[in-house]
Amino acid sequence: MKHALLFIPLIFTALVSQAQAVTPEQLIEKVKLKLEQVNNYKATGEMKTNISFLKAPNSQVTVYFKKPDKLKIKNEKGISLVPKGTVSISLNTVLKGNYQALDAGTSTLSGITVRVIKLLPTEENSEVVLSTLYIDVARLLVLQAKTTTRENGTHELQLMYNKYATYALPDKVIFTFNTSEYKLPKGVTFDYDDGSEKKKPAGKQDQRGKIEITYSTYEINKGISDAVFN
């Protein structure tokens, strides 16, 4: 029995070493292959918006996606509340383009050991400066992505998986961003602004805004017209 117990840490060490043996480039390619199972989807869910200058109630939303990186989020009134100019609301856009993948070791998220990979774009005029991915290697799922852009600040995407993990589609996403970089979409002020102008106190740091979407259904690979994204 003692001999059997001694083998357990050895097996664990071997598994960790095997996971680390996969290069950053190979791991990213495996993650992309899993994402590429999905050509398009239409999803429904509830969106919670926490932005200091918006009076935005929880709303039912429909989310449309089509390869390679088309994404549209509409609430029940047909208005999208996703910050304009952001490139990190979808993993497909985070992994788009050419970049150098660097190993940044391991970390832990919600009790799960993850591999940390940093992506440095190789294109000189890329909007993205740096992306950091926290990957569950066993399931090939990105649990968190932090993206720094040239003009729209730093965004963070957290993803929780359950029913649709096979397709790398989350049951819940939490998108956090700098409200100072938020560009108010047309029509939102009329529907949601409470009419008051609150000035930021001198010396106060930029506040963070948050959008949460909890998905209830997905229709995967059933086709979506390009007109939806106009």
Protein backbone atom coordinates (compact mmCIF):
# COMPACT_ATOMS: atom_id res chain seq x y z
CA MET A 1 0.00 0.00 0.00
CA LYS A 2 2.85 2.37 0.87
CA HIS A 3 4.47 1.70 -2.49
CA ALA A 4 1.19 2.54 -4.29
CA LEU A 5 0.93 5.84 -2.42
CA LEU A 6 4.47 6.74 -3.41
CA PHE A 7 3.56 6.41 -7.10
CA ILE A 8 0.72 8.97 -6.91
CA PRO A 9 2.92 12.10 -6.69
CA LEU A 10 5.20 10.61 -9.34
CA ILE A 11 2.28 10.16 -11.74
CA PHE A 12 1.06 13.70 -11.03
CA THR A 13 4.55 15.10 -11.69
CA ALA A 14 4.74 13.16 -14.94
CA LEU A 15 1.40 14.54 -16.11
CA VAL A 16 2.42 18.12 -15.31
CA SER A 17 5.73 17.63 -17.13
CA GLN A 18 3.90 16.21 -20.14
CA ALA A 19 1.56 19.22 -20.26
CA GLN A 20 4.52 21.60 -20.01
CA ALA A 21 6.23 19.72 -22.86
CA VAL A 22 3.60 21.12 -25.25
CA THR A 23 4.97 24.36 -26.69
CA PRO A 24 2.91 27.58 -26.44
CA GLU A 25 2.36 27.50 -30.20
CA GLN A 26 1.12 23.90 -30.11
CA LEU A 27 -1.25 24.64 -27.23
CA ILE A 28 -2.72 27.68 -28.97
CA GLU A 29 -3.27 25.65 -32.14
CA LYS A 30 -5.10 22.95 -30.15
CA VAL A 31 -7.33 25.62 -28.57
CA LYS A 32 -8.03 27.15 -31.99
CA LEU A 33 -8.94 23.76 -33.46
CA LYS A 34 -11.53 23.28 -30.73
CA LEU A 35 -12.97 26.75 -31.34
CA GLU A 36 -13.11 26.08 -35.09
CA GLN A 37 -15.74 23.39 -34.58
CA VAL A 38 -18.24 26.24 -34.42
CA ASN A 39 -18.91 27.94 -37.75
CA ASN A 40 -21.77 30.02 -36.41
CA TYR A 41 -24.22 30.19 -33.53
CA LYS A 42 -27.25 32.03 -32.24
CA ALA A 43 -27.50 32.15 -28.46
CA THR A 44 -29.99 33.58 -25.98
CA GLY A 45 -29.36 34.68 -22.44
CA GLU A 46 -29.57 37.41 -19.82
CA MET A 47 -27.20 40.39 -19.76
CA LYS A 48 -26.32 42.41 -16.68
CA THR A 49 -24.62 45.74 -17.27
CA ASN A 50 -22.73 47.54 -14.53
CA ILE A 51 -21.53 50.90 -15.84
CA SER A 52 -21.57 53.96 -13.57
CA PHE A 53 -23.04 56.41 -16.11
CA LEU A 54 -25.71 54.06 -17.48
CA LYS A 55 -29.00 53.15 -15.88
CA ALA A 56 -29.26 49.77 -17.56
CA PRO A 57 -31.65 47.10 -16.26
CA ASN A 58 -31.01 43.41 -16.80
CA SER A 59 -32.15 42.44 -20.27
CA GLN A 60 -32.68 39.39 -22.44
CA VAL A 61 -30.21 39.29 -25.30
CA THR A 62 -29.58 37.37 -28.49
CA VAL A 63 -25.96 36.83 -29.49
CA TYR A 64 -24.98 36.05 -33.07
CA PHE A 65 -21.58 34.75 -34.19
CA LYS A 66 -20.20 33.79 -37.58
CA LYS A 67 -16.68 32.84 -38.60
CA PRO A 68 -14.14 34.23 -38.63
CA ASP A 69 -14.94 37.05 -36.19
CA LYS A 70 -18.42 38.48 -36.76
CA LEU A 71 -20.26 39.08 -33.47
CA LYS A 72 -23.51 40.87 -32.71
CA ILE A 73 -25.28 41.27 -29.37
CA LYS A 74 -28.84 42.61 -29.36
CA ASN A 75 -31.08 43.17 -26.38
CA GLU A 76 -34.86 42.97 -26.53
CA LYS A 77 -35.03 46.57 -27.81
CA GLY A 78 -32.53 45.84 -30.57
CA ILE A 79 -29.71 47.93 -29.05
CA SER A 80 -26.22 46.57 -28.56
CA LEU A 81 -24.48 47.56 -25.33
CA VAL A 82 -21.08 46.09 -26.08
CA PRO A 83 -18.34 48.76 -25.96
CA LYS A 84 -17.38 49.86 -29.45
CA GLY A 85 -13.80 49.30 -30.49
CA THR A 86 -13.20 46.37 -28.16
CA VAL A 87 -11.53 43.35 -29.70
CA SER A 88 -11.56 41.00 -26.73
CA ILE A 89 -15.28 40.30 -26.25
CA SER A 90 -14.80 37.08 -28.26
CA LEU A 91 -11.98 34.52 -28.16
CA ASN A 92 -12.13 34.32 -31.93
CA THR A 93 -10.99 37.95 -32.20
CA VAL A 94 -8.38 37.52 -29.48
CA LEU A 95 -6.78 34.66 -31.44
CA LYS A 96 -7.04 36.42 -34.79
CA GLY A 97 -3.97 37.62 -36.68
CA ASN A 98 -0.29 36.81 -36.39
CA TYR A 99 1.49 36.76 -33.06
CA GLN A 100 4.34 35.27 -31.10
CA ALA A 101 3.25 32.93 -28.28
CA LEU A 102 5.32 33.01 -25.08
CA ASP A 103 5.16 30.64 -22.12
CA ALA A 104 4.41 32.50 -18.86
CA GLY A 105 4.25 29.49 -16.57
CA THR A 106 1.21 28.27 -14.65
CA SER A 107 -1.40 29.77 -12.36
CA THR A 108 -4.61 28.73 -10.60
CA LEU A 109 -8.16 29.89 -11.37
CA SER A 110 -11.08 28.62 -9.26
CA GLY A 111 -8.99 25.70 -8.11
CA ILE A 112 -7.95 24.74 -11.66
CA THR A 113 -4.29 24.75 -12.67
CA VAL A 114 -3.96 26.72 -15.91
CA ARG A 115 -1.18 27.38 -18.38
CA VAL A 116 -0.46 31.07 -18.95
CA ILE A 117 0.36 32.06 -22.52
CA LYS A 118 1.18 35.59 -23.67
CA LEU A 119 0.49 36.59 -27.27
CA LEU A 120 2.55 39.40 -28.81
CA PRO A 121 1.20 40.58 -32.19
CA THR A 122 3.84 40.65 -34.94
CA GLU A 123 1.95 43.17 -37.07
CA GLU A 124 3.30 46.68 -36.54
CA ASN A 125 -0.09 48.42 -36.67
CA SER A 126 -2.03 45.87 -34.65
CA GLU A 127 -4.72 47.33 -32.38
CA VAL A 128 -3.77 44.73 -29.77
CA VAL A 129 -0.58 45.31 -27.78
CA LEU A 130 -0.65 42.14 -25.65
CA SER A 131 -3.04 39.28 -24.85
CA THR A 132 -2.64 36.92 -21.89
CA LEU A 133 -4.56 33.64 -21.93
CA TYR A 134 -5.19 31.34 -18.97
CA ILE A 135 -5.81 27.88 -20.43
CA ASP A 136 -7.23 24.73 -18.86
CA VAL A 137 -4.91 22.33 -20.70
CA ALA A 138 -6.91 19.16 -19.92
CA ARG A 139 -10.08 20.54 -21.54
CA LEU A 140 -8.39 22.94 -24.00
CA LEU A 141 -10.54 25.80 -22.72
CA VAL A 142 -9.56 29.43 -22.17
CA LEU A 143 -10.83 30.38 -18.71
CA GLN A 144 -9.62 33.96 -18.81
CA ALA A 145 -8.20 36.38 -21.36
CA LYS A 146 -6.68 39.80 -20.70
CA THR A 147 -6.11 42.05 -23.69
CA THR A 148 -4.37 45.42 -23.82
CA THR A 149 -5.16 47.59 -26.84
CA ARG A 150 -3.69 50.81 -28.19
CA GLU A 151 -6.84 52.93 -28.04
CA ASN A 152 -9.41 51.15 -25.86
CA GLY A 153 -7.54 50.25 -22.69
CA THR A 154 -7.27 46.83 -21.10
CA HIS A 155 -10.15 44.35 -21.20
CA GLU A 156 -10.64 41.14 -19.27
CA LEU A 157 -12.81 38.22 -20.31
CA GLN A 158 -13.74 35.45 -17.86
CA LEU A 159 -15.47 32.33 -19.15
CA MET A 160 -17.33 29.61 -17.27
CA TYR A 161 -18.17 26.35 -19.05
CA ASN A 162 -20.68 23.55 -18.51
CA LYS A 163 -23.18 22.21 -21.06
CA TYR A 164 -21.41 23.50 -24.16
CA ALA A 165 -17.78 22.92 -23.14
CA THR A 166 -17.37 20.38 -25.97
CA TYR A 167 -17.74 23.27 -28.42
CA ALA A 168 -15.65 25.66 -26.27
CA LEU A 169 -18.77 27.79 -25.80
CA PRO A 170 -19.25 29.29 -22.32
CA ASP A 171 -22.39 29.17 -20.21
CA LYS A 172 -21.40 32.51 -18.71
CA VAL A 173 -19.00 35.32 -19.64
CA ILE A 174 -17.90 38.32 -17.60
CA PHE A 175 -16.38 41.15 -19.62
CA THR A 176 -14.58 43.92 -17.68
CA PHE A 177 -13.23 47.14 -19.21
CA ASN A 178 -12.25 50.75 -18.46
CA THR A 179 -15.33 52.95 -18.54
CA SER A 180 -13.15 55.91 -19.57
CA GLU A 181 -12.59 54.09 -22.86
CA TYR A 182 -16.29 53.33 -23.34
CA LYS A 183 -17.88 54.91 -26.42
CA LEU A 184 -21.62 55.21 -25.89
CA PRO A 185 -23.55 53.51 -28.73
CA LYS A 186 -26.22 55.52 -30.53
CA GLY A 187 -29.64 55.21 -28.93
CA VAL A 188 -28.45 54.06 -25.52
CA THR A 189 -28.68 57.49 -23.87
CA PHE A 190 -32.35 57.78 -24.82
CA ASP A 191 -33.18 54.40 -23.36
CA TYR A 192 -30.90 54.08 -20.37
CA ASP A 193 -29.22 57.30 -19.25
CA ASP A 194 -30.74 58.59 -16.00
CA GLY A 195 -30.18 62.16 -17.16
CA SER A 196 -27.67 63.09 -14.49
CA GLU A 197 -24.06 64.02 -15.20
CA LYS A 198 -21.70 62.76 -12.55
CA LYS A 199 -18.20 64.17 -12.83
CA LYS A 200 -15.33 62.00 -11.75
CA PRO A 201 -13.64 63.42 -8.63
CA ALA A 202 -10.15 64.79 -9.19
CA GLY A 203 -7.46 62.18 -8.73
CA LYS A 204 -9.90 59.28 -8.84
CA GLN A 205 -8.72 56.27 -10.81
CA ASP A 206 -10.56 55.12 -13.92
CA GLN A 207 -13.51 52.97 -12.93
CA ARG A 208 -14.16 49.53 -14.34
CA GLY A 209 -17.35 48.63 -16.16
CA LYS A 210 -18.68 45.10 -16.31
CA ILE A 211 -20.97 43.17 -18.63
CA GLU A 212 -22.15 39.69 -17.67
CA ILE A 213 -24.00 37.34 -20.02
CA THR A 214 -25.48 34.08 -18.76
CA TYR A 215 -26.51 31.90 -21.69
CA SER A 216 -29.60 29.70 -21.66
CA THR A 217 -29.58 28.24 -25.20
CA TYR A 218 -27.30 27.85 -28.22
CA GLU A 219 -28.18 27.01 -31.81
CA ILE A 220 -24.87 25.82 -33.24
CA ASN A 221 -23.88 25.55 -36.93
CA LYS A 222 -27.40 26.11 -38.27
CA GLY A 223 -26.41 29.03 -40.50
CA ILE A 224 -26.68 32.81 -40.04
CA SER A 225 -27.14 35.43 -42.73
CA ASP A 226 -24.50 38.15 -43.09
CA ALA A 227 -27.34 40.69 -42.97
CA VAL A 228 -27.68 40.03 -39.23
CA PHE A 229 -24.35 41.80 -38.62
CA ASN A 230 -25.17 44.99 -40.58
